[in-house]
Protein backbone atom coordinates (compact mmCIF):
# COMPACT_ATOMS: atom_id res chain seq x y z
CA MET A 1 0.00 0.00 0.00
CA SER A 2 1.40 3.42 -0.93
CA ALA A 3 0.24 7.00 -0.80
CA SER A 4 1.71 10.21 -2.14
CA VAL A 5 3.47 12.51 0.27
CA ALA A 6 0.96 14.67 2.11
CA PRO A 7 0.79 16.38 5.52
CA ARG A 8 -0.55 14.43 8.45
CA MET A 9 -3.47 16.05 10.27
CA ARG A 10 -2.06 14.69 13.52
CA THR A 11 1.24 16.50 12.90
CA ILE A 12 -0.59 19.71 11.97
CA ASN A 13 -2.78 19.50 15.09
CA ILE A 14 0.16 18.77 17.42
CA CYS A 15 2.24 21.62 15.98
CA SER A 16 -0.74 23.99 16.08
CA MET A 17 -1.54 22.99 19.66
CA PHE A 18 2.09 23.53 20.69
CA ILE A 19 2.17 26.97 19.06
CA VAL A 20 -1.15 27.97 20.65
CA ILE A 21 0.02 26.82 24.10
CA VAL A 22 3.35 28.66 23.82
CA VAL A 23 1.72 31.83 22.49
CA SER A 24 -1.06 31.61 25.12
CA VAL A 25 1.51 31.34 27.91
CA ALA A 26 3.34 34.32 26.42
CA MET A 27 0.02 36.21 26.26
CA LEU A 28 -0.66 35.44 29.92
CA MET A 29 2.79 36.74 30.83
CA VAL A 30 2.22 39.90 28.79
CA MET A 31 -1.22 40.36 30.36
CA GLN A 32 0.30 39.92 33.82
CA ASN A 33 2.97 42.51 33.02
CA ALA A 34 0.28 44.82 31.65
CA LEU A 35 -1.73 44.47 34.87
CA VAL A 36 1.40 45.21 36.90
CA ALA A 37 2.06 48.29 34.74
CA GLN A 38 -1.53 49.44 35.17
CA ARG A 39 -1.31 48.94 38.92
CA GLN A 40 1.95 50.91 38.99
CA GLU A 41 0.28 53.65 36.99
CA ARG A 42 -2.57 53.82 39.50
CA GLU A 43 -0.02 53.88 42.32
CA LEU A 44 1.77 56.75 40.60
CA SER A 45 -1.47 58.70 40.51
CA THR A 46 -2.12 57.90 44.16
CA VAL A 47 1.39 58.95 45.19
CA TYR A 48 1.03 62.16 43.23
CA GLN A 49 -2.29 62.93 44.89
CA ARG A 50 -0.82 62.31 48.33
CA CYS A 51 2.28 64.41 47.62
CA GLN A 52 0.17 67.17 46.14
CA SER A 53 -2.06 66.99 49.20
CA ALA A 54 1.02 67.34 51.44
CA VAL A 55 2.12 70.47 49.55
CA GLU A 56 -1.35 71.94 49.79
CA HIS A 57 -1.56 71.12 53.51
CA LEU A 58 1.66 73.03 54.21
CA GLN A 59 0.44 76.01 52.22
CA ASP A 60 -3.02 75.93 53.79
CA THR A 61 -1.59 75.56 57.30
CA SER A 62 0.70 78.54 56.76
CA ASP A 63 -2.26 80.64 55.60
CA TYR A 64 -4.33 79.38 58.53
CA LEU A 65 -1.66 80.46 61.06
CA THR A 66 -1.35 83.86 59.37
CA ALA A 67 -5.10 84.37 59.59
CA GLU A 68 -5.18 83.44 63.28
CA VAL A 69 -2.30 85.73 64.27
CA ARG A 70 -3.79 88.64 62.32
CA LEU A 71 -7.20 88.09 63.91
CA PHE A 72 -5.69 87.99 67.38
CA VAL A 73 -3.68 91.15 66.80
CA SER A 74 -6.75 92.94 65.45
CA THR A 75 -9.33 91.72 67.98
CA GLY A 76 -7.43 90.49 71.03
CA TYR A 77 -9.66 87.40 71.20
CA ARG A 78 -7.94 84.62 73.10
CA ARG A 79 -9.45 81.86 70.93
CA HIS A 80 -7.31 82.89 67.96
CA LEU A 81 -4.19 82.58 70.11
CA ASP A 82 -5.28 79.16 71.34
CA ARG A 83 -6.13 77.93 67.83
CA TYR A 84 -2.78 79.04 66.55
CA PHE A 85 -0.77 77.12 69.13
CA GLU A 86 -3.12 74.11 69.00
CA GLU A 87 -2.22 73.83 65.36
CA VAL A 88 1.49 74.39 66.02
CA THR A 89 1.89 72.09 69.01
CA HIS A 90 -0.80 69.42 68.53
CA ASN A 91 -1.91 69.20 64.90
CA ASP A 92 1.35 70.24 63.28
CA ARG A 93 -0.01 69.77 59.76
CA ARG A 94 3.09 71.45 58.34
CA GLY A 95 5.43 68.86 59.85
CA ASN A 96 3.10 66.01 58.91
CA ALA A 97 2.92 67.30 55.35
CA LEU A 98 6.71 67.30 55.07
CA GLN A 99 6.92 63.77 56.54
CA ASP A 100 4.25 62.54 54.11
CA LEU A 101 6.11 64.01 51.18
CA ARG A 102 9.36 62.38 52.26
CA ALA A 103 7.52 59.06 52.66
CA TYR A 104 5.79 59.13 49.27
CA SER A 105 8.29 60.92 47.04
CA ASN A 106 11.82 59.82 46.24
CA ASP A 107 12.53 63.02 44.29
CA THR A 108 15.01 65.09 46.34
CA ASN A 109 14.17 68.28 44.44
CA VAL A 110 10.49 68.00 45.38
CA VAL A 111 11.31 67.33 49.04
CA SER A 112 13.93 70.08 49.08
CA ALA A 113 11.46 72.66 47.74
CA LEU A 114 8.87 71.79 50.37
CA SER A 115 11.57 71.73 53.10
CA ASN A 116 12.52 75.28 52.12
CA ALA A 117 8.87 76.26 52.39
CA TYR A 118 8.75 74.62 55.85
CA LYS A 119 11.90 76.45 57.02
CA THR A 120 10.50 79.75 55.79
CA SER A 121 7.28 79.00 57.64
CA ASP A 122 9.31 78.41 60.83
CA ALA A 123 11.09 81.73 60.34
CA LEU A 124 7.71 83.35 59.89
CA SER A 125 6.56 81.79 63.16
CA GLU A 126 9.20 83.80 65.06
CA ILE A 127 7.70 87.02 63.74
CA GLU A 128 4.18 85.78 64.54
CA CYS A 129 5.15 84.77 68.11
CA TYR A 130 6.67 88.23 68.70
CA ALA A 131 3.46 89.81 67.38
CA PHE A 132 1.43 87.57 69.73
CA VAL A 133 3.45 88.71 72.77
CA LEU A 134 3.28 92.37 71.72
CA ALA A 135 -0.50 92.28 71.18
CA ALA A 136 -1.15 90.19 74.32
CA ASP A 137 0.74 92.75 76.37
CA ALA A 138 -1.35 95.55 74.83
CA TYR A 139 -4.61 93.72 75.53
CA GLY A 140 -3.46 92.80 79.06
CA ILE A 141 -3.68 89.08 78.39
CA ARG A 142 -1.65 86.99 80.75
CA ASP A 143 -1.05 83.22 81.09
CA LEU A 144 0.29 82.86 77.56
CA PRO A 145 1.25 79.48 76.02
CA THR A 146 4.63 78.17 77.14
CA GLU A 147 5.88 78.46 73.55
CA LEU A 148 5.90 82.26 74.11
CA ASP A 149 7.85 82.18 77.38
CA GLU A 150 11.16 82.77 75.66
CA VAL A 151 9.87 85.70 73.61
CA VAL A 152 11.05 88.98 75.20
CA LEU A 153 9.93 92.37 73.90
CA LYS A 154 12.55 94.80 72.85
CA LYS A 155 12.98 97.77 75.24
CA ALA A 156 11.69 100.18 72.65
CA ASP A 157 8.61 98.05 72.05
CA ALA A 158 7.99 97.49 75.74
CA THR A 159 7.66 101.22 76.35
CA LEU A 160 5.03 101.67 73.65
CA SER A 161 1.45 102.42 74.56
CA PRO A 162 -1.14 99.61 74.12
CA LYS A 163 -2.40 101.25 70.94
CA GLU A 164 1.10 101.58 69.57
CA LYS A 165 1.85 97.98 70.48
CA ILE A 166 -1.25 96.80 68.57
CA GLU A 167 -0.30 98.94 65.58
CA HIS A 168 3.25 97.60 65.68
CA ALA A 169 1.98 94.01 65.97
CA ASN A 170 -0.31 94.58 62.97
CA ASP A 171 2.59 96.01 61.03
CA LEU A 172 4.76 92.97 61.86
CA VAL A 173 2.22 90.53 60.31
CA ASN A 174 1.36 92.72 57.35
CA ASN A 175 4.56 94.52 56.34
CA ASP A 176 6.66 93.80 53.26
CA GLU A 177 9.06 91.49 55.07
CA TYR A 178 6.19 89.33 56.33
CA ILE A 179 4.53 89.30 52.92
CA SER A 180 7.83 88.39 51.25
CA TYR A 181 8.13 85.41 53.59
CA LYS A 182 4.59 84.39 52.72
CA GLN A 183 5.36 84.74 49.03
CA GLU A 184 8.50 82.65 49.43
CA ILE A 185 6.44 79.92 51.07
CA ARG A 186 3.99 80.01 48.17
CA ASP A 187 6.79 79.99 45.61
CA GLU A 188 8.53 77.00 47.19
CA ALA A 189 5.22 75.15 47.56
CA GLN A 190 4.37 75.91 43.93
CA ARG A 191 7.85 74.82 42.83
CA SER A 192 7.39 71.57 44.72
CA SER A 193 3.99 71.10 43.06
CA ASN A 194 5.44 71.81 39.60
CA LEU A 195 8.26 69.35 40.16
CA LEU A 196 5.70 66.78 41.23
CA ILE A 197 3.70 67.36 38.06
CA GLU A 198 6.83 67.08 35.90
CA LYS A 199 7.91 63.87 37.62
CA LEU A 200 4.42 62.40 37.35
CA SER A 201 4.28 63.32 33.66
CA ARG A 202 7.61 61.59 33.02
CA ASP A 203 6.60 58.53 35.01
CA LEU A 204 3.23 58.36 33.29
CA GLU A 205 4.84 58.71 29.86
CA GLU A 206 7.22 55.85 30.66
CA SER A 207 4.32 53.80 31.99
CA HIS A 208 2.22 54.55 28.90
CA ALA A 209 5.16 53.58 26.68
CA ARG A 210 5.54 50.26 28.53
CA LEU A 211 1.81 49.63 28.31
CA SER A 212 1.82 50.48 24.61
CA ILE A 213 4.63 47.99 23.99
CA LEU A 214 2.84 45.36 26.08
CA TYR A 215 -0.49 45.88 24.31
CA THR A 216 1.22 45.78 20.92
CA SER A 217 2.94 42.55 21.90
CA LEU A 218 -0.37 41.20 23.17
CA GLY A 219 -2.06 42.14 19.90
CA ILE A 220 0.64 40.40 17.86
CA ARG A 221 0.34 37.24 19.96
CA ALA A 222 -3.46 37.32 19.77
CA SER A 223 -3.20 37.72 15.98
CA LEU A 224 -0.83 34.75 15.87
CA VAL A 225 -3.30 32.62 17.84
CA ILE A 226 -6.12 33.68 15.51
CA PHE A 227 -3.92 32.88 12.51
CA VAL A 228 -3.05 29.43 13.88
CA VAL A 229 -6.73 28.71 14.58
CA PHE A 230 -7.56 29.83 11.03
CA VAL A 231 -4.83 27.57 9.64
CA VAL A 232 -6.20 24.62 11.64
CA ILE A 233 -9.77 25.29 10.45
CA LEU A 234 -8.62 25.73 6.84
CA SER A 235 -6.42 22.63 7.03
CA THR A 236 -9.28 20.63 8.50
CA TYR A 237 -11.53 21.75 5.66
CA LEU A 238 -9.00 21.21 2.87
CA LEU A 239 -7.37 18.05 4.19
CA LEU A 240 -10.35 16.34 5.85
CA LEU A 241 -13.85 17.71 5.25
CA ARG A 242 -13.64 18.41 1.51
CA PRO A 243 -11.82 15.13 0.69
CA ILE A 244 -14.33 13.18 2.81
CA ALA A 245 -17.21 14.82 0.91
CA LYS A 246 -15.51 13.87 -2.38
CA PHE A 247 -14.93 10.33 -1.11
CA GLU A 248 -18.62 10.02 -0.22
CA LYS A 249 -19.62 11.23 -3.70
CA ASN A 250 -17.31 8.73 -5.40
CA ILE A 251 -18.44 5.88 -3.17
CA ARG A 252 -22.09 6.62 -3.98
CA ALA A 253 -21.18 6.71 -7.68
CA ASP A 254 -19.22 3.44 -7.33
CA LYS A 255 -15.96 5.04 -8.44
CA ARG A 256 -12.37 4.85 -7.30
CA LEU A 257 -11.27 7.39 -4.69
CA GLU A 258 -8.83 10.13 -5.63
CA LEU A 259 -5.65 10.39 -3.56
CA ARG A 260 -6.30 13.72 -1.90
CA GLY A 261 -6.34 15.32 1.52
CA ALA A 262 -4.28 14.41 4.58
CA GLN A 263 -1.92 11.45 4.54
CA GLU A 264 -4.27 9.48 6.78
CA LEU A 265 -7.08 9.87 4.22
CA ARG A 266 -4.74 8.95 1.38
CA TYR A 267 -3.86 5.69 3.09
CA LEU A 268 -7.60 5.00 3.47
CA ALA A 269 -8.15 5.87 -0.20
CA VAL A 270 -5.37 3.48 -1.30
CA ALA A 271 -6.83 0.70 0.86
CA TYR A 272 -10.34 1.38 -0.46
CA ASN A 273 -9.14 1.43 -4.08
CA GLU A 274 -7.38 -1.90 -3.64
CA MET A 275 -10.54 -3.46 -2.23
CA TYR A 276 -12.56 -1.68 -4.93
CA GLU A 277 -10.43 -3.24 -7.70
CA ILE A 278 -10.62 -6.69 -6.11
CA ASN A 279 -14.38 -6.39 -5.74
CA ARG A 280 -14.85 -5.00 -9.27
CA ASN A 281 -12.74 -7.76 -10.80
CA ARG A 282 -14.68 -10.33 -8.84
CA THR A 283 -17.99 -8.77 -9.88
CA GLU A 284 -16.91 -8.57 -13.51
CA SER A 285 -15.79 -12.18 -13.34
CA LEU A 286 -19.12 -13.23 -11.87
CA ASN A 287 -21.02 -11.16 -14.45
CA PHE A 288 -18.94 -12.65 -17.25
CA GLU A 289 -19.52 -16.15 -15.99
CA ALA A 290 -23.24 -15.43 -15.67
CA HIS A 291 -23.56 -14.11 -19.24
CA ASN A 292 -20.74 -15.75 -21.17
CA ASP A 293 -19.67 -19.23 -22.16
CA ALA A 294 -16.71 -20.41 -20.11
CA LEU A 295 -14.94 -22.16 -23.02
CA THR A 296 -15.32 -19.73 -25.93
CA GLY A 297 -16.04 -16.48 -24.12
CA LEU A 298 -19.12 -15.96 -26.30
CA LEU A 299 -22.49 -14.97 -24.86
CA ASN A 300 -24.31 -17.97 -23.36
CA ARG A 301 -27.84 -19.30 -23.87
CA GLY A 302 -29.32 -17.07 -21.17
CA SER A 303 -27.91 -13.95 -22.78
CA PHE A 304 -29.06 -15.18 -26.18
CA ASP A 305 -32.68 -15.59 -25.02
CA ALA A 306 -32.70 -12.09 -23.52
CA LEU A 307 -31.14 -10.52 -26.61
CA LEU A 308 -33.50 -12.30 -28.99
CA THR A 309 -36.47 -10.82 -27.12
CA GLN A 310 -34.96 -7.35 -27.51
CA HIS A 311 -33.88 -7.67 -31.16
CA LYS A 312 -36.54 -9.84 -32.80
CA THR A 313 -37.43 -7.21 -35.41
CA ASP A 314 -35.21 -5.58 -38.05
CA SER A 315 -32.69 -8.29 -37.42
CA ALA A 316 -31.36 -11.58 -38.70
CA LEU A 317 -31.14 -14.70 -36.56
CA ILE A 318 -28.39 -17.06 -37.71
CA LEU A 319 -28.25 -20.54 -36.18
CA ILE A 320 -24.98 -22.45 -36.75
CA ASP A 321 -24.08 -26.07 -36.05
CA VAL A 322 -20.60 -27.62 -36.39
CA ASP A 323 -21.09 -30.59 -38.68
CA ASN A 324 -20.40 -34.03 -37.26
CA PHE A 325 -18.88 -32.60 -34.10
CA LYS A 326 -19.28 -35.88 -32.19
CA GLN A 327 -16.87 -37.52 -34.60
CA PHE A 328 -14.18 -34.94 -33.71
CA ASN A 329 -14.49 -35.86 -30.06
CA ASP A 330 -14.44 -39.55 -30.86
CA MET A 331 -11.48 -39.35 -33.26
CA TYR A 332 -9.29 -36.67 -31.69
CA GLY A 333 -10.51 -36.43 -28.11
CA HIS A 334 -12.40 -33.78 -26.21
CA GLU A 335 -9.44 -31.40 -26.03
CA MET A 336 -9.33 -31.22 -29.80
CA GLY A 337 -13.11 -30.80 -29.86
CA ASP A 338 -12.85 -27.87 -27.46
CA ALA A 339 -10.10 -26.33 -29.62
CA ILE A 340 -12.36 -26.55 -32.68
CA LEU A 341 -15.20 -24.84 -30.80
CA VAL A 342 -12.83 -22.04 -29.76
CA GLU A 343 -11.66 -21.70 -33.36
CA VAL A 344 -15.27 -21.51 -34.60
CA ALA A 345 -15.99 -18.78 -32.03
CA ALA A 346 -12.91 -16.78 -33.09
CA THR A 347 -13.84 -17.16 -36.76
CA LEU A 348 -17.38 -15.90 -36.21
CA HIS A 349 -15.95 -12.91 -34.33
CA SER A 350 -13.72 -12.10 -37.24
CA VAL A 351 -16.40 -12.15 -39.94
CA PHE A 352 -19.31 -10.46 -38.17
CA ARG A 353 -19.66 -6.85 -37.01
CA SER A 354 -18.90 -5.66 -33.49
CA SER A 355 -22.55 -4.66 -33.20
CA ASP A 356 -23.68 -8.26 -33.85
CA TYR A 357 -24.26 -10.63 -30.95
CA ILE A 358 -22.42 -13.97 -31.22
CA CYS A 359 -23.57 -16.69 -28.82
CA ARG A 360 -22.89 -20.32 -27.97
CA ILE A 361 -26.32 -21.79 -27.25
CA GLY A 362 -25.38 -25.48 -26.99
CA GLY A 363 -22.51 -27.96 -27.21
CA ASP A 364 -21.73 -27.41 -30.91
CA GLU A 365 -24.52 -24.90 -31.57
CA PHE A 366 -23.87 -21.22 -32.17
CA ALA A 367 -26.14 -18.28 -32.94
CA VAL A 368 -25.61 -14.80 -34.32
CA ILE A 369 -28.13 -11.97 -33.92
CA MET A 370 -27.43 -9.33 -36.55
CA THR A 371 -29.10 -6.00 -35.81
CA ASP A 372 -30.48 -3.45 -38.28
CA VAL A 373 -30.69 -5.86 -41.21
CA ASP A 374 -33.44 -7.25 -43.45
CA ALA A 375 -33.87 -9.82 -46.21
CA THR A 376 -32.06 -7.60 -48.71
CA MET A 377 -28.80 -8.40 -46.93
CA ALA A 378 -29.05 -12.14 -47.51
CA LYS A 379 -26.08 -12.06 -49.90
CA VAL A 380 -23.98 -10.25 -47.27
CA ILE A 381 -24.78 -12.91 -44.72
CA GLU A 382 -24.08 -15.68 -47.23
CA ARG A 383 -20.69 -14.12 -48.01
CA LYS A 384 -19.79 -13.87 -44.28
CA ILE A 385 -20.67 -17.53 -43.73
CA GLY A 386 -18.65 -18.44 -46.83
CA ASN A 387 -15.61 -16.62 -45.42
CA ALA A 388 -16.03 -18.41 -42.10
CA ALA A 389 -16.23 -21.78 -43.87
CA THR A 390 -13.04 -21.00 -45.78
CA PHE A 391 -11.19 -20.19 -42.55
CA LEU A 392 -12.36 -23.37 -40.87
CA ARG A 393 -11.23 -25.60 -43.80
CA ASP A 394 -7.68 -24.30 -43.42
CA THR A 395 -5.59 -26.80 -41.47
CA SER A 396 -2.44 -24.69 -41.14
CA ASN A 397 -3.33 -24.04 -37.51
CA GLY A 398 -2.99 -27.74 -36.73
CA LEU A 399 -6.73 -28.34 -36.42
CA PRO A 400 -8.73 -30.70 -38.61
CA PRO A 401 -11.04 -29.03 -41.15
CA ALA A 402 -14.59 -28.26 -39.99
CA THR A 403 -17.77 -27.35 -41.83
CA LEU A 404 -20.85 -25.45 -40.74
CA SER A 405 -24.58 -25.86 -41.28
CA VAL A 406 -26.35 -22.48 -41.12
CA GLY A 407 -30.03 -21.49 -41.00
CA VAL A 408 -31.11 -17.83 -41.29
CA ALA A 409 -34.41 -16.12 -40.54
CA PHE A 410 -35.20 -12.38 -40.70
CA GLY A 411 -37.16 -10.70 -37.97
CA VAL A 412 -40.06 -8.64 -39.23
CA HIS A 413 -42.54 -6.45 -37.43
CA GLY A 414 -44.99 -8.45 -35.30
CA ILE A 415 -42.97 -11.66 -35.18
CA SER A 416 -42.33 -13.28 -31.81
CA ASP A 417 -38.91 -14.40 -30.66
CA SER A 418 -40.07 -18.03 -30.56
CA GLU A 419 -41.41 -17.80 -34.10
CA LEU A 420 -38.18 -16.21 -35.30
CA PHE A 421 -36.15 -18.99 -33.68
CA LYS A 422 -38.45 -21.62 -35.16
CA GLN A 423 -37.99 -20.20 -38.67
CA ALA A 424 -34.17 -20.14 -38.35
CA ASP A 425 -34.18 -23.64 -36.90
CA GLY A 426 -36.33 -24.82 -39.81
CA ALA A 427 -33.86 -23.33 -42.29
CA LEU A 428 -31.02 -25.09 -40.45
CA TYR A 429 -32.86 -28.38 -40.62
CA LYS A 430 -33.13 -28.03 -44.43
CA VAL A 431 -29.34 -27.69 -44.69
CA LYS A 432 -28.84 -30.82 -42.63
CA GLN A 433 -31.31 -32.69 -44.83
CA ARG A 434 -29.28 -31.69 -47.86
CA GLY A 435 -26.17 -33.17 -46.38
CA ARG A 436 -24.86 -30.28 -44.20
CA ASP A 437 -22.05 -27.78 -45.02
CA GLY A 438 -24.27 -25.00 -46.37
CA ILE A 439 -26.63 -22.15 -45.64
CA SER A 440 -30.42 -21.84 -45.98
CA PHE A 441 -32.77 -18.89 -45.53
CA ALA A 442 -36.30 -19.22 -44.13
């Protein structure tokens, strides 16, 4: 058994499965990296928000302290003094903001800018504490917070009247020096915020670039998987489904299978074709044996009867007997007799048309059904029989000479097959009565 070289579906499926598994694993790794990158991007945004919040807290706290000291100096209300030092000593949002920034940001420039703002805020606190003491003395407020114990009024300021002290305190928290400190705090806080935005922008750009590369890689791998699946589907159709459909069509039409499709199918096709040939040869042999004579290969009596029924009109029925055939068997043996019968069959084949039916209907009895003829062709038939007789008298083939007795009847419209046979048989009988070796027409 052989089959032409063709791909194996098993090999294609194994290779495709291996590629899909490898690419799928790679896709999972890329997806995992993409998720990590997305998480890092979210963390960057969170860190930025926290750092930005720390910058804003320091700025807001500085403004809050300024508002409280100015309100105290202007009104003398103790609650503003208490709020100020509650923020400084207990809440300390400025210090917490700086700690948060150091915890969340690894950019020294950002931390340095906010540290400068914090230091400036501390310097501003010295001015504010002096203003607190000056105003408290003017308003006659005693029992000040311990943070003010070390603040001592200058001699010139101590001798001022209460009104002058309040005016001087107001001037301290509103003059150009104070405002310049406040502006410096704002500038440093803004610089820290700008640096944060720049750093976040760079980090986000890098993160977006990584994500873009990852998503592009993921798209390529997904396209490869889709391509492999398409190849498998197309291969299945071309190498399996379409050949199987063609096989089914050929089997229904009782034809050989073409060698097509995957190698597995080609092996099946070769095996089927071998069985098909064996079965066809066996069937043809059985059909031949059923319709043909085993010795001469001519059509047998059963085929003759069927053909006579079909061609009883516009035809000529020729019945032929080998004269004295029993004597051949007695004198030369049955093998020689069989050889003569085979020679008679071959001779009849050589003189009659391919469209004529030549049959062996008995031991030494032959028949020829000539189609599309009538009585006007009697001379043609007589000449054919004469040629056959000449061949059979020739002994150069090592066979004894043989003669034929022939009876011919023409089938006309309305005649039955039995009547036609009876007429030809009657004509044959006349030849035998005359001494054989001749032809007679009904």
